[in-house]
Amino acid sequence: MRKRLRKKLHVGEFQELGFAVRFRVTDNLSHDAFAAVVDAFISQAIEAHGLLCGGGGENPAWSVFVTRKERGSVTEEHRQAIERWLAACPEVNTVRIGPLVDAWYCA
């Protein structure tokens, strides 16, 4: 396969990795408090590291898929930074972070 086609299809050296994040907040957290946690997560954990996330949820659960804002792959360091941020958040009580997977061809 030619380089141009590999780039267009995001395969080979152009493969891009991402990971899933799921978290639950403490029971009985108000809607406004839940929204504040999600806003802080997006601004401090996601955007601060040059990442994007897509997905969502409702109080008390949130589920997203994380990728790089620019072309390229997330790294294990990105996963660890997100995990550390969630672990340090007192309103979050359950965190599941998936492995690095192909962001274009994961099922």
C-alpha atoms as a PDB file:
ATOM      1  CA  MET A   1       0.000   0.000   0.000  1.00  0.00           C
ATOM      2  CA  ARG A   2       1.357   3.406  -0.924  1.00  0.00           C
ATOM      3  CA  LYS A   3       2.238   5.968   1.709  1.00  0.00           C
ATOM      4  CA  ARG A   4      -0.510   8.374   0.622  1.00  0.00           C
ATOM      5  CA  LEU A   5      -3.172   5.673   0.993  1.00  0.00           C
ATOM      6  CA  ARG A   6      -1.790   4.534   4.362  1.00  0.00           C
ATOM      7  CA  LYS A   7      -2.016   8.143   5.555  1.00  0.00           C
ATOM      8  CA  LYS A   8      -5.560   8.545   4.266  1.00  0.00           C
ATOM      9  CA  LEU A   9      -6.664   5.288   5.909  1.00  0.00           C
ATOM     10  CA  HIS A  10      -4.750   5.965   9.178  1.00  0.00           C
ATOM     11  CA  VAL A  11      -2.863   2.658   9.046  1.00  0.00           C
ATOM     12  CA  GLY A  12       0.765   1.651   9.455  1.00  0.00           C
ATOM     13  CA  GLU A  13       2.927   4.541  10.563  1.00  0.00           C
ATOM     14  CA  PHE A  14      -0.185   6.787  10.452  1.00  0.00           C
ATOM     15  CA  GLN A  15      -2.230   4.757  12.941  1.00  0.00           C
ATOM     16  CA  GLU A  16      -3.744   6.887  15.700  1.00  0.00           C
ATOM     17  CA  LEU A  17      -4.442   5.521  19.175  1.00  0.00           C
ATOM     18  CA  GLY A  18      -7.015   6.556  21.764  1.00  0.00           C
ATOM     19  CA  PHE A  19      -8.585   5.144  24.929  1.00  0.00           C
ATOM     20  CA  ALA A  20     -11.911   4.933  26.713  1.00  0.00           C
ATOM     21  CA  VAL A  21     -12.577   6.569  30.085  1.00  0.00           C
ATOM     22  CA  ARG A  22     -15.511   5.796  32.363  1.00  0.00           C
ATOM     23  CA  PHE A  23     -16.092   7.287  35.757  1.00  0.00           C
ATOM     24  CA  ARG A  24     -18.839   7.565  38.345  1.00  0.00           C
ATOM     25  CA  VAL A  25     -19.272  10.301  40.884  1.00  0.00           C
ATOM     26  CA  THR A  26     -20.420   9.944  44.466  1.00  0.00           C
ATOM     27  CA  ASP A  27     -24.092   9.243  45.082  1.00  0.00           C
ATOM     28  CA  ASN A  28     -26.456  12.160  45.602  1.00  0.00           C
ATOM     29  CA  LEU A  29     -24.209  14.684  43.836  1.00  0.00           C
ATOM     30  CA  SER A  30     -26.387  17.521  42.559  1.00  0.00           C
ATOM     31  CA  HIS A  31     -26.776  18.191  38.845  1.00  0.00           C
ATOM     32  CA  ASP A  32     -24.783  21.430  39.157  1.00  0.00           C
ATOM     33  CA  ALA A  33     -21.983  19.728  41.102  1.00  0.00           C
ATOM     34  CA  PHE A  34     -21.837  16.921  38.519  1.00  0.00           C
ATOM     35  CA  ALA A  35     -21.646  19.500  35.716  1.00  0.00           C
ATOM     36  CA  ALA A  36     -18.807  21.248  37.567  1.00  0.00           C
ATOM     37  CA  VAL A  37     -16.862  17.966  37.826  1.00  0.00           C
ATOM     38  CA  VAL A  38     -17.332  17.278  34.109  1.00  0.00           C
ATOM     39  CA  ASP A  39     -16.340  20.843  33.160  1.00  0.00           C
ATOM     40  CA  ALA A  40     -13.212  20.606  35.320  1.00  0.00           C
ATOM     41  CA  PHE A  41     -12.373  17.183  33.835  1.00  0.00           C
ATOM     42  CA  ILE A  42     -12.619  18.535  30.298  1.00  0.00           C
ATOM     43  CA  SER A  43     -10.650  21.720  30.918  1.00  0.00           C
ATOM     44  CA  GLN A  44      -8.019  20.461  33.386  1.00  0.00           C
ATOM     45  CA  ALA A  45      -7.492  16.846  32.337  1.00  0.00           C
ATOM     46  CA  ILE A  46      -8.434  16.721  28.650  1.00  0.00           C
ATOM     47  CA  GLU A  47      -7.809  20.124  27.047  1.00  0.00           C
ATOM     48  CA  ALA A  48      -4.783  20.900  29.255  1.00  0.00           C
ATOM     49  CA  HIS A  49      -2.996  17.924  27.657  1.00  0.00           C
ATOM     50  CA  GLY A  50      -3.963  18.754  24.058  1.00  0.00           C
ATOM     51  CA  LEU A  51      -6.620  16.044  23.952  1.00  0.00           C
ATOM     52  CA  LEU A  52     -10.231  15.762  22.823  1.00  0.00           C
ATOM     53  CA  CYS A  53     -13.001  13.534  24.105  1.00  0.00           C
ATOM     54  CA  GLY A  54     -16.339  12.462  22.736  1.00  0.00           C
ATOM     55  CA  GLY A  55     -19.189  10.767  24.505  1.00  0.00           C
ATOM     56  CA  GLY A  56     -21.034  11.784  27.607  1.00  0.00           C
ATOM     57  CA  GLY A  57     -23.470  10.594  30.167  1.00  0.00           C
ATOM     58  CA  GLU A  58     -25.676  11.688  32.995  1.00  0.00           C
ATOM     59  CA  ASN A  59     -25.239  11.983  36.729  1.00  0.00           C
ATOM     60  CA  PRO A  60     -23.675   9.794  38.173  1.00  0.00           C
ATOM     61  CA  ALA A  61     -21.807   8.205  35.204  1.00  0.00           C
ATOM     62  CA  TRP A  62     -19.706   9.621  32.401  1.00  0.00           C
ATOM     63  CA  SER A  63     -18.148   7.685  29.495  1.00  0.00           C
ATOM     64  CA  VAL A  64     -15.888   9.170  26.798  1.00  0.00           C
ATOM     65  CA  PHE A  65     -13.294   8.207  24.202  1.00  0.00           C
ATOM     66  CA  VAL A  66     -10.082  10.257  24.307  1.00  0.00           C
ATOM     67  CA  THR A  67      -7.880  11.157  21.322  1.00  0.00           C
ATOM     68  CA  ARG A  68      -5.300  13.822  20.467  1.00  0.00           C
ATOM     69  CA  LYS A  69      -6.525  17.230  19.386  1.00  0.00           C
ATOM     70  CA  GLU A  70      -3.965  17.290  16.593  1.00  0.00           C
ATOM     71  CA  ARG A  71      -3.033  14.435  14.309  1.00  0.00           C
ATOM     72  CA  GLY A  72      -1.261  11.624  16.136  1.00  0.00           C
ATOM     73  CA  SER A  73      -1.729   9.194  18.976  1.00  0.00           C
ATOM     74  CA  VAL A  74      -2.285   9.536  22.666  1.00  0.00           C
ATOM     75  CA  THR A  75       0.407   7.986  24.839  1.00  0.00           C
ATOM     76  CA  GLU A  76       0.591   5.962  28.015  1.00  0.00           C
ATOM     77  CA  GLU A  77       1.564   9.227  29.742  1.00  0.00           C
ATOM     78  CA  HIS A  78      -1.768  10.739  28.643  1.00  0.00           C
ATOM     79  CA  ARG A  79      -3.621   7.767  30.130  1.00  0.00           C
ATOM     80  CA  GLN A  80      -1.729   8.119  33.389  1.00  0.00           C
ATOM     81  CA  ALA A  81      -2.356  11.880  33.572  1.00  0.00           C
ATOM     82  CA  ILE A  82      -6.110  11.354  33.131  1.00  0.00           C
ATOM     83  CA  GLU A  83      -6.082   8.570  35.719  1.00  0.00           C
ATOM     84  CA  ARG A  84      -4.177  10.739  38.228  1.00  0.00           C
ATOM     85  CA  TRP A  85      -6.579  13.647  37.744  1.00  0.00           C
ATOM     86  CA  LEU A  86      -9.638  11.460  38.289  1.00  0.00           C
ATOM     87  CA  ALA A  87      -8.057   9.748  41.311  1.00  0.00           C
ATOM     88  CA  ALA A  88      -7.378  13.153  42.887  1.00  0.00           C
ATOM     89  CA  CYS A  89     -10.964  14.355  42.374  1.00  0.00           C
ATOM     90  CA  PRO A  90     -12.880  13.747  45.631  1.00  0.00           C
ATOM     91  CA  GLU A  91     -16.264  13.578  43.862  1.00  0.00           C
ATOM     92  CA  VAL A  92     -15.168  10.641  41.673  1.00  0.00           C
ATOM     93  CA  ASN A  93     -15.422   7.199  43.257  1.00  0.00           C
ATOM     94  CA  THR A  94     -15.062   4.726  40.353  1.00  0.00           C
ATOM     95  CA  VAL A  95     -12.668   5.033  37.404  1.00  0.00           C
ATOM     96  CA  ARG A  96     -12.095   2.685  34.459  1.00  0.00           C
ATOM     97  CA  ILE A  97      -9.563   3.590  31.810  1.00  0.00           C
ATOM     98  CA  GLY A  98      -9.228   1.317  28.819  1.00  0.00           C
ATOM     99  CA  PRO A  99      -6.071   0.321  26.968  1.00  0.00           C
ATOM    100  CA  LEU A 100      -4.695   2.210  23.994  1.00  0.00           C
ATOM    101  CA  VAL A 101      -6.632   1.102  20.912  1.00  0.00           C
ATOM    102  CA  ASP A 102      -6.850   2.104  17.272  1.00  0.00           C
ATOM    103  CA  ALA A 103      -8.974   5.261  17.270  1.00  0.00           C
ATOM    104  CA  TRP A 104     -10.143   4.795  13.678  1.00  0.00           C
ATOM    105  CA  TYR A 105     -10.896   1.094  13.596  1.00  0.00           C
ATOM    106  CA  CYS A 106     -11.938   0.126  17.123  1.00  0.00           C
ATOM    107  CA  ALA A 107     -15.282  -1.573  17.391  1.00  0.00           C
END
